Amino acid sequence: MPSLPASQRSQALFTASETSRIVEMAWEDRTPFEAIEFNFGLNESSVINLMRGQLKPRSFRLWRKRVTSRKTKHLSLRSPDVSRGYCPTQYKR
């Protein structure tokens, strides 16, 4: 049986709803990669591989460009003023 590439291995470990949540968290500006790693065990490079497999090529390039310029995606680069993972108006009641 051939070995799966890293991006497919990480995708195979999650249900469709978990994969969807990881993609959602990766798109969110205030959700750091460390939060994804804490919740799902995927480090930044694994998230990048998963996103590459889940998104269309153009969407992936847009996401990478967006993430690369976001200081909030890395806890070590984050301002201490950003203490939560989401905007208070994100989840409407």
N, C-alpha and C. Protein backbone atom coordinates (compact mmCIF):
# COMPACT_ATOMS: atom_id res chain seq x y z
N MET A 1 0.84 -1.18 0.00
CA MET A 1 0.00 0.00 0.00
C MET A 1 0.89 1.25 0.00
N PRO A 2 0.72 2.17 -0.96
CA PRO A 2 1.57 3.34 -1.03
C PRO A 2 1.29 4.31 0.11
N SER A 3 2.34 5.01 0.51
CA SER A 3 2.22 6.00 1.56
C SER A 3 1.53 7.26 1.03
N LEU A 4 0.65 7.84 1.82
CA LEU A 4 -0.05 9.06 1.42
C LEU A 4 0.83 10.28 1.64
N PRO A 5 0.71 11.29 0.79
CA PRO A 5 1.42 12.55 1.04
C PRO A 5 0.94 13.18 2.35
N ALA A 6 1.75 14.04 2.94
CA ALA A 6 1.42 14.64 4.24
C ALA A 6 0.08 15.34 4.22
N SER A 7 -0.25 16.05 3.15
CA SER A 7 -1.52 16.78 3.10
C SER A 7 -2.71 15.83 3.14
N GLN A 8 -2.61 14.70 2.46
CA GLN A 8 -3.70 13.73 2.47
C GLN A 8 -3.75 12.96 3.78
N ARG A 9 -2.59 12.70 4.39
CA ARG A 9 -2.57 12.03 5.69
C ARG A 9 -3.31 12.86 6.72
N SER A 10 -3.03 14.17 6.78
CA SER A 10 -3.68 15.01 7.77
C SER A 10 -5.18 15.12 7.48
N GLN A 11 -5.57 15.13 6.21
CA GLN A 11 -6.98 15.22 5.86
C GLN A 11 -7.70 13.93 6.23
N ALA A 12 -7.04 12.81 6.11
CA ALA A 12 -7.67 11.52 6.37
C ALA A 12 -7.96 11.32 7.87
N LEU A 13 -7.30 12.08 8.73
CA LEU A 13 -7.47 11.91 10.16
C LEU A 13 -8.70 12.61 10.71
N PHE A 14 -9.32 13.47 9.93
CA PHE A 14 -10.42 14.28 10.42
C PHE A 14 -11.71 14.01 9.67
N THR A 15 -12.82 14.19 10.38
CA THR A 15 -14.13 14.09 9.74
C THR A 15 -14.33 15.32 8.87
N ALA A 16 -15.36 15.29 8.05
CA ALA A 16 -15.64 16.44 7.19
C ALA A 16 -15.93 17.68 8.01
N SER A 17 -16.65 17.54 9.13
CA SER A 17 -16.96 18.70 9.96
C SER A 17 -15.71 19.24 10.67
N GLU A 18 -14.81 18.35 11.09
CA GLU A 18 -13.56 18.80 11.71
C GLU A 18 -12.68 19.53 10.69
N THR A 19 -12.60 18.98 9.48
CA THR A 19 -11.82 19.62 8.43
C THR A 19 -12.40 20.99 8.11
N SER A 20 -13.71 21.08 8.05
CA SER A 20 -14.38 22.35 7.79
C SER A 20 -14.05 23.36 8.89
N ARG A 21 -14.04 22.92 10.13
CA ARG A 21 -13.73 23.81 11.26
C ARG A 21 -12.28 24.27 11.20
N ILE A 22 -11.37 23.39 10.83
CA ILE A 22 -9.96 23.77 10.70
C ILE A 22 -9.80 24.83 9.62
N VAL A 23 -10.45 24.64 8.49
CA VAL A 23 -10.39 25.62 7.40
C VAL A 23 -10.97 26.95 7.88
N GLU A 24 -12.08 26.89 8.57
CA GLU A 24 -12.70 28.12 9.10
C GLU A 24 -11.75 28.84 10.06
N MET A 25 -11.14 28.09 10.97
CA MET A 25 -10.21 28.69 11.93
C MET A 25 -8.99 29.28 11.22
N ALA A 26 -8.53 28.61 10.18
CA ALA A 26 -7.37 29.10 9.44
C ALA A 26 -7.69 30.41 8.72
N TRP A 27 -8.92 30.58 8.26
CA TRP A 27 -9.32 31.81 7.59
C TRP A 27 -9.52 32.96 8.57
N GLU A 28 -9.91 32.66 9.81
CA GLU A 28 -10.18 33.71 10.79
C GLU A 28 -8.89 34.46 11.13
N ASP A 29 -8.97 35.76 11.11
CA ASP A 29 -7.79 36.59 11.37
C ASP A 29 -7.27 36.46 12.79
N ARG A 30 -8.15 36.36 13.75
CA ARG A 30 -7.74 36.37 15.15
C ARG A 30 -7.46 34.99 15.72
N THR A 31 -7.63 33.95 14.96
CA THR A 31 -7.36 32.61 15.45
C THR A 31 -5.93 32.23 15.11
N PRO A 32 -5.06 32.13 16.11
CA PRO A 32 -3.66 31.81 15.82
C PRO A 32 -3.48 30.34 15.46
N PHE A 33 -2.38 30.06 14.77
CA PHE A 33 -2.07 28.67 14.42
C PHE A 33 -1.92 27.82 15.68
N GLU A 34 -1.47 28.42 16.76
CA GLU A 34 -1.30 27.68 18.01
C GLU A 34 -2.65 27.17 18.54
N ALA A 35 -3.73 27.91 18.30
CA ALA A 35 -5.06 27.45 18.72
C ALA A 35 -5.49 26.23 17.90
N ILE A 36 -5.17 26.25 16.62
CA ILE A 36 -5.50 25.10 15.76
C ILE A 36 -4.69 23.89 16.22
N GLU A 37 -3.42 24.12 16.54
CA GLU A 37 -2.58 23.02 17.02
C GLU A 37 -3.10 22.48 18.35
N PHE A 38 -3.51 23.36 19.24
CA PHE A 38 -4.04 22.92 20.53
C PHE A 38 -5.30 22.09 20.35
N ASN A 39 -6.21 22.53 19.48
CA ASN A 39 -7.49 21.84 19.30
C ASN A 39 -7.42 20.61 18.42
N PHE A 40 -6.56 20.63 17.40
CA PHE A 40 -6.57 19.54 16.42
C PHE A 40 -5.21 18.85 16.25
N GLY A 41 -4.17 19.36 16.88
CA GLY A 41 -2.86 18.73 16.79
C GLY A 41 -2.12 18.99 15.48
N LEU A 42 -2.54 20.00 14.72
CA LEU A 42 -1.88 20.33 13.46
C LEU A 42 -1.01 21.57 13.64
N ASN A 43 0.28 21.45 13.35
CA ASN A 43 1.13 22.63 13.41
C ASN A 43 0.91 23.48 12.16
N GLU A 44 1.60 24.61 12.09
CA GLU A 44 1.36 25.54 10.99
C GLU A 44 1.60 24.91 9.62
N SER A 45 2.67 24.16 9.46
CA SER A 45 2.94 23.55 8.16
C SER A 45 1.89 22.51 7.79
N SER A 46 1.35 21.81 8.78
CA SER A 46 0.27 20.84 8.51
C SER A 46 -1.01 21.54 8.10
N VAL A 47 -1.28 22.69 8.73
CA VAL A 47 -2.46 23.47 8.36
C VAL A 47 -2.31 23.98 6.93
N ILE A 48 -1.11 24.43 6.57
CA ILE A 48 -0.86 24.90 5.21
C ILE A 48 -1.09 23.76 4.22
N ASN A 49 -0.59 22.58 4.53
CA ASN A 49 -0.80 21.42 3.65
C ASN A 49 -2.28 21.07 3.53
N LEU A 50 -2.99 21.11 4.66
CA LEU A 50 -4.42 20.81 4.62
C LEU A 50 -5.16 21.85 3.77
N MET A 51 -4.81 23.12 3.96
CA MET A 51 -5.47 24.18 3.18
C MET A 51 -5.16 24.03 1.70
N ARG A 52 -3.95 23.65 1.37
CA ARG A 52 -3.57 23.44 -0.04
C ARG A 52 -4.46 22.36 -0.67
N GLY A 53 -4.77 21.34 0.10
CA GLY A 53 -5.60 20.26 -0.42
C GLY A 53 -7.09 20.57 -0.43
N GLN A 54 -7.53 21.49 0.43
CA GLN A 54 -8.96 21.79 0.55
C GLN A 54 -9.43 22.94 -0.32
N LEU A 55 -8.53 23.87 -0.62
CA LEU A 55 -8.91 25.07 -1.36
C LEU A 55 -8.54 24.97 -2.83
N LYS A 56 -9.21 25.74 -3.64
CA LYS A 56 -8.82 25.88 -5.04
C LYS A 56 -7.47 26.60 -5.06
N PRO A 57 -6.65 26.39 -6.10
CA PRO A 57 -5.33 27.01 -6.14
C PRO A 57 -5.35 28.53 -5.92
N ARG A 58 -6.26 29.23 -6.54
CA ARG A 58 -6.33 30.68 -6.39
C ARG A 58 -6.73 31.06 -4.96
N SER A 59 -7.67 30.35 -4.39
CA SER A 59 -8.08 30.61 -3.01
C SER A 59 -6.93 30.35 -2.04
N PHE A 60 -6.18 29.29 -2.30
CA PHE A 60 -5.03 28.99 -1.45
C PHE A 60 -4.00 30.12 -1.51
N ARG A 61 -3.72 30.61 -2.72
CA ARG A 61 -2.75 31.72 -2.85
C ARG A 61 -3.24 32.97 -2.12
N LEU A 62 -4.53 33.27 -2.22
CA LEU A 62 -5.09 34.42 -1.49
C LEU A 62 -4.97 34.23 0.02
N TRP A 63 -5.27 33.02 0.48
CA TRP A 63 -5.17 32.74 1.91
C TRP A 63 -3.74 32.87 2.40
N ARG A 64 -2.79 32.32 1.65
CA ARG A 64 -1.37 32.41 2.06
C ARG A 64 -0.91 33.87 2.12
N LYS A 65 -1.32 34.65 1.13
CA LYS A 65 -0.96 36.07 1.13
C LYS A 65 -1.56 36.76 2.35
N ARG A 66 -2.79 36.44 2.67
CA ARG A 66 -3.47 37.04 3.82
C ARG A 66 -2.82 36.63 5.13
N VAL A 67 -2.54 35.36 5.29
CA VAL A 67 -1.98 34.83 6.54
C VAL A 67 -0.56 35.35 6.77
N THR A 68 0.20 35.45 5.69
CA THR A 68 1.58 35.89 5.80
C THR A 68 1.68 37.30 6.38
N SER A 69 0.71 38.14 6.10
CA SER A 69 0.76 39.52 6.58
C SER A 69 0.04 39.73 7.91
N ARG A 70 -0.47 38.69 8.53
CA ARG A 70 -1.24 38.82 9.78
C ARG A 70 -0.39 38.50 11.00
N LYS A 71 -0.20 39.48 11.84
CA LYS A 71 0.52 39.23 13.09
C LYS A 71 -0.35 38.47 14.08
N THR A 72 -1.66 38.54 13.92
CA THR A 72 -2.55 37.86 14.86
C THR A 72 -2.60 36.35 14.64
N LYS A 73 -2.01 35.85 13.57
CA LYS A 73 -2.02 34.40 13.31
C LYS A 73 -0.93 33.68 14.09
N HIS A 74 -0.05 34.43 14.77
CA HIS A 74 1.04 33.84 15.55
C HIS A 74 1.04 34.47 16.94
N LEU A 75 0.91 33.67 17.97
CA LEU A 75 0.86 34.21 19.33
C LEU A 75 2.10 35.02 19.67
N SER A 76 3.27 34.60 19.21
CA SER A 76 4.49 35.30 19.55
C SER A 76 4.58 36.69 18.91
N LEU A 77 3.86 36.92 17.81
CA LEU A 77 3.87 38.22 17.14
C LEU A 77 2.69 39.09 17.54
N ARG A 78 1.76 38.52 18.26
CA ARG A 78 0.52 39.19 18.62
C ARG A 78 0.72 40.28 19.65
N SER A 79 -0.04 41.33 19.52
CA SER A 79 -0.06 42.39 20.52
C SER A 79 -0.73 41.85 21.77
N PRO A 80 -0.27 42.23 22.95
CA PRO A 80 -0.94 41.79 24.18
C PRO A 80 -2.37 42.29 24.28
N ASP A 81 -2.73 43.30 23.49
CA ASP A 81 -4.09 43.83 23.50
C ASP A 81 -5.09 42.85 22.90
N VAL A 82 -4.62 41.91 22.06
CA VAL A 82 -5.49 40.92 21.44
C VAL A 82 -5.50 39.69 22.34
N SER A 83 -6.53 39.61 23.16
CA SER A 83 -6.56 38.54 24.16
C SER A 83 -7.61 37.48 23.88
N ARG A 84 -8.36 37.63 22.80
CA ARG A 84 -9.40 36.65 22.50
C ARG A 84 -9.22 36.14 21.08
N GLY A 85 -9.84 35.02 20.79
CA GLY A 85 -9.68 34.39 19.49
C GLY A 85 -10.69 34.83 18.46
N TYR A 86 -11.65 35.66 18.84
CA TYR A 86 -12.65 36.08 17.86
C TYR A 86 -13.17 37.46 18.23
N CYS A 87 -13.75 38.10 17.29
CA CYS A 87 -14.34 39.42 17.46
C CYS A 87 -15.65 39.26 18.24
N PRO A 88 -15.96 40.17 19.19
CA PRO A 88 -17.19 40.01 19.96
C PRO A 88 -18.47 40.01 19.12
N THR A 89 -18.42 40.60 17.93
CA THR A 89 -19.62 40.62 17.08
C THR A 89 -19.66 39.45 16.10
N GLN A 90 -18.66 38.57 16.16
CA GLN A 90 -18.58 37.46 15.21
C GLN A 90 -19.74 36.48 15.39
N TYR A 91 -20.06 36.14 16.61
CA TYR A 91 -21.11 35.17 16.87
C TYR A 91 -22.35 35.91 17.35
N LYS A 92 -23.24 36.21 16.43
CA LYS A 92 -24.46 36.96 16.75
C LYS A 92 -25.45 36.04 17.47
N ARG A 93 -26.19 36.63 18.36
CA ARG A 93 -27.20 35.85 19.10
C ARG A 93 -28.57 36.22 18.69
